[in-house]
């Protein structure tokens, strides 16, 4: 009878250890595949943009929500080294004009800059914030032909 109990104890201990190892491994896997909040301007030009006055350049970006939803995005523009414009958007007031990605979602979107004069140079910065107060930003310089 003692032999049976001893074998059962070994099986029970082995089962517990295996269940523990598998659960820790699974938790580590889940943590490793979680996405982090990031924003990336995907078409920042490396050369001067050839355009006529009045034409615009589309600044495309990808926005990846991390473990919580994105709640804020801030666009900042400088033109020829001077402050030009800014556009702060928050999820509570601006969900009708910008889609704020939920946890784990990846979206692609864009903003625009206009060539007002020959040789215009824009500095564009886009900052994002999520519900957990994580932040990310991306920046780009766009130079139009003279």
Protein backbone atom coordinates (compact mmCIF):
# COMPACT_ATOMS: atom_id res chain seq x y z
CA UNK A 1 0.00 0.00 0.00
CA UNK A 2 2.85 2.41 0.81
CA UNK A 3 4.39 1.73 -2.60
CA UNK A 4 1.16 2.81 -4.31
CA UNK A 5 0.97 6.04 -2.29
CA UNK A 6 4.63 6.78 -3.01
CA UNK A 7 4.09 6.34 -6.77
CA UNK A 8 0.95 8.49 -6.62
CA UNK A 9 2.90 11.22 -4.78
CA UNK A 10 5.62 11.14 -7.45
CA UNK A 11 3.04 11.37 -10.23
CA UNK A 12 1.26 14.20 -8.44
CA UNK A 13 4.55 16.10 -7.92
CA UNK A 14 5.56 15.54 -11.55
CA UNK A 15 2.16 16.76 -12.78
CA UNK A 16 2.39 19.88 -10.62
CA UNK A 17 5.93 20.68 -11.81
CA UNK A 18 4.98 20.18 -15.46
CA UNK A 19 1.85 22.33 -15.10
CA UNK A 20 3.93 25.06 -13.45
CA UNK A 21 6.63 24.97 -16.15
CA UNK A 22 4.03 25.06 -18.93
CA UNK A 23 2.13 27.97 -17.36
CA UNK A 24 5.32 30.02 -16.87
CA UNK A 25 6.38 29.27 -20.46
CA UNK A 26 2.95 30.29 -21.79
CA UNK A 27 2.99 33.52 -19.76
CA UNK A 28 6.46 34.35 -21.11
CA UNK A 29 5.23 33.72 -24.66
CA UNK A 30 2.25 36.03 -24.19
CA UNK A 31 4.45 38.79 -22.80
CA UNK A 32 6.92 38.45 -25.67
CA UNK A 33 4.25 38.83 -28.37
CA UNK A 34 2.53 41.87 -26.87
CA UNK A 35 2.87 44.95 -29.02
CA UNK A 36 4.27 48.22 -27.74
CA UNK A 37 2.90 51.64 -28.60
CA UNK A 38 4.74 53.14 -31.56
CA UNK A 39 4.24 55.58 -34.38
CA UNK A 40 6.34 55.65 -37.53
CA UNK A 41 6.25 58.09 -40.46
CA UNK A 42 6.58 55.61 -43.30
CA UNK A 43 7.38 57.89 -46.25
CA UNK A 44 9.73 60.54 -44.93
CA UNK A 45 11.51 61.68 -48.11
CA UNK A 46 15.27 61.44 -48.42
CA UNK A 47 15.30 63.80 -51.40
CA UNK A 48 13.72 67.12 -52.31
CA UNK A 49 10.05 66.84 -53.30
CA UNK A 50 9.34 68.08 -56.81
CA UNK A 51 6.03 69.95 -56.69
CA UNK A 52 4.35 73.11 -57.90
CA UNK A 53 3.23 75.85 -55.51
CA UNK A 54 -0.21 74.83 -54.20
CA UNK A 55 0.46 71.09 -54.39
CA UNK A 56 0.80 69.01 -51.26
CA UNK A 57 2.79 66.07 -49.95
CA UNK A 58 1.01 63.28 -48.07
CA UNK A 59 2.87 62.32 -44.87
CA UNK A 60 1.88 58.70 -44.18
CA UNK A 61 2.28 57.02 -40.81
CA UNK A 62 1.61 53.73 -39.03
CA UNK A 63 0.29 53.79 -35.47
CA UNK A 64 0.50 50.63 -33.37
CA UNK A 65 -1.45 50.60 -30.10
CA UNK A 66 0.28 48.77 -27.28
CA UNK A 67 -1.39 47.07 -24.35
CA UNK A 68 -3.97 49.84 -24.04
CA UNK A 69 -5.92 52.09 -26.38
CA UNK A 70 -4.45 55.25 -27.88
CA UNK A 71 -6.06 58.29 -26.29
CA UNK A 72 -4.14 61.26 -27.73
CA UNK A 73 -2.28 62.27 -30.89
CA UNK A 74 -0.51 65.58 -31.42
CA UNK A 75 0.64 66.91 -34.81
CA UNK A 76 3.25 69.69 -34.81
CA UNK A 77 4.45 71.56 -37.92
CA UNK A 78 7.26 74.02 -38.53
CA UNK A 79 7.66 75.80 -41.86
CA UNK A 80 11.12 77.11 -42.78
CA UNK A 81 12.32 76.83 -39.18
CA UNK A 82 9.37 78.69 -37.63
CA UNK A 83 6.31 77.43 -35.78
CA UNK A 84 3.53 76.91 -38.35
CA UNK A 85 0.70 74.84 -36.89
CA UNK A 86 -0.32 72.22 -34.38
CA UNK A 87 -3.27 69.87 -34.05
CA UNK A 88 -3.96 68.10 -30.74
CA UNK A 89 -6.61 65.36 -30.91
CA UNK A 90 -8.00 63.34 -28.00
CA UNK A 91 -10.22 60.28 -28.10
CA UNK A 92 -13.06 61.88 -26.11
CA UNK A 93 -13.47 64.93 -28.36
CA UNK A 94 -12.18 63.87 -31.77
CA UNK A 95 -13.17 60.25 -32.41
CA UNK A 96 -15.37 61.46 -35.25
CA UNK A 97 -12.39 62.81 -37.24
CA UNK A 98 -9.59 60.38 -36.29
CA UNK A 99 -9.73 56.66 -35.50
CA UNK A 100 -7.88 55.97 -32.24
CA UNK A 101 -6.66 52.35 -32.29
CA UNK A 102 -7.66 49.98 -29.51
CA UNK A 103 -5.22 47.72 -27.67
CA UNK A 104 -3.03 45.78 -30.11
CA UNK A 105 -4.44 47.42 -33.26
CA UNK A 106 -2.28 48.78 -36.07
CA UNK A 107 -3.64 51.55 -38.29
CA UNK A 108 -2.26 53.51 -41.21
CA UNK A 109 -3.17 57.15 -41.66
CA UNK A 110 -1.78 60.39 -43.08
CA UNK A 111 -1.53 64.14 -42.81
CA UNK A 112 -0.52 66.69 -45.44
CA UNK A 113 1.86 69.61 -46.00
CA UNK A 114 1.35 72.19 -48.77
CA UNK A 115 4.04 73.78 -50.88
CA UNK A 116 3.27 77.48 -50.33
CA UNK A 117 6.48 78.86 -51.87
CA UNK A 118 9.52 77.56 -53.72
CA UNK A 119 12.03 76.00 -51.34
CA UNK A 120 9.62 75.47 -48.43
CA UNK A 121 10.89 73.06 -45.77
CA UNK A 122 8.57 71.48 -43.23
CA UNK A 123 9.43 69.79 -39.96
CA UNK A 124 6.64 67.41 -38.92
CA UNK A 125 6.43 65.72 -35.53
CA UNK A 126 3.65 63.33 -34.46
CA UNK A 127 3.35 62.34 -30.81
CA UNK A 128 0.96 59.73 -29.37
CA UNK A 129 -0.11 58.77 -25.87
CA UNK A 130 -2.08 55.76 -24.64
CA UNK A 131 -4.37 55.15 -21.68
CA UNK A 132 -1.43 53.82 -19.60
CA UNK A 133 0.52 57.07 -20.31
CA UNK A 134 3.00 55.34 -22.64
CA UNK A 135 4.18 57.63 -25.43
CA UNK A 136 5.92 57.51 -28.78
CA UNK A 137 6.78 59.99 -31.50
CA UNK A 138 8.06 60.18 -35.04
CA UNK A 139 9.47 63.15 -36.93
CA UNK A 140 10.30 64.04 -40.49
CA UNK A 141 11.69 66.89 -42.56
CA UNK A 142 10.16 67.58 -45.97
CA UNK A 143 11.90 69.89 -48.41
CA UNK A 144 10.19 71.15 -51.54
CA UNK A 145 12.11 72.13 -54.67
CA UNK A 146 13.05 75.79 -55.17
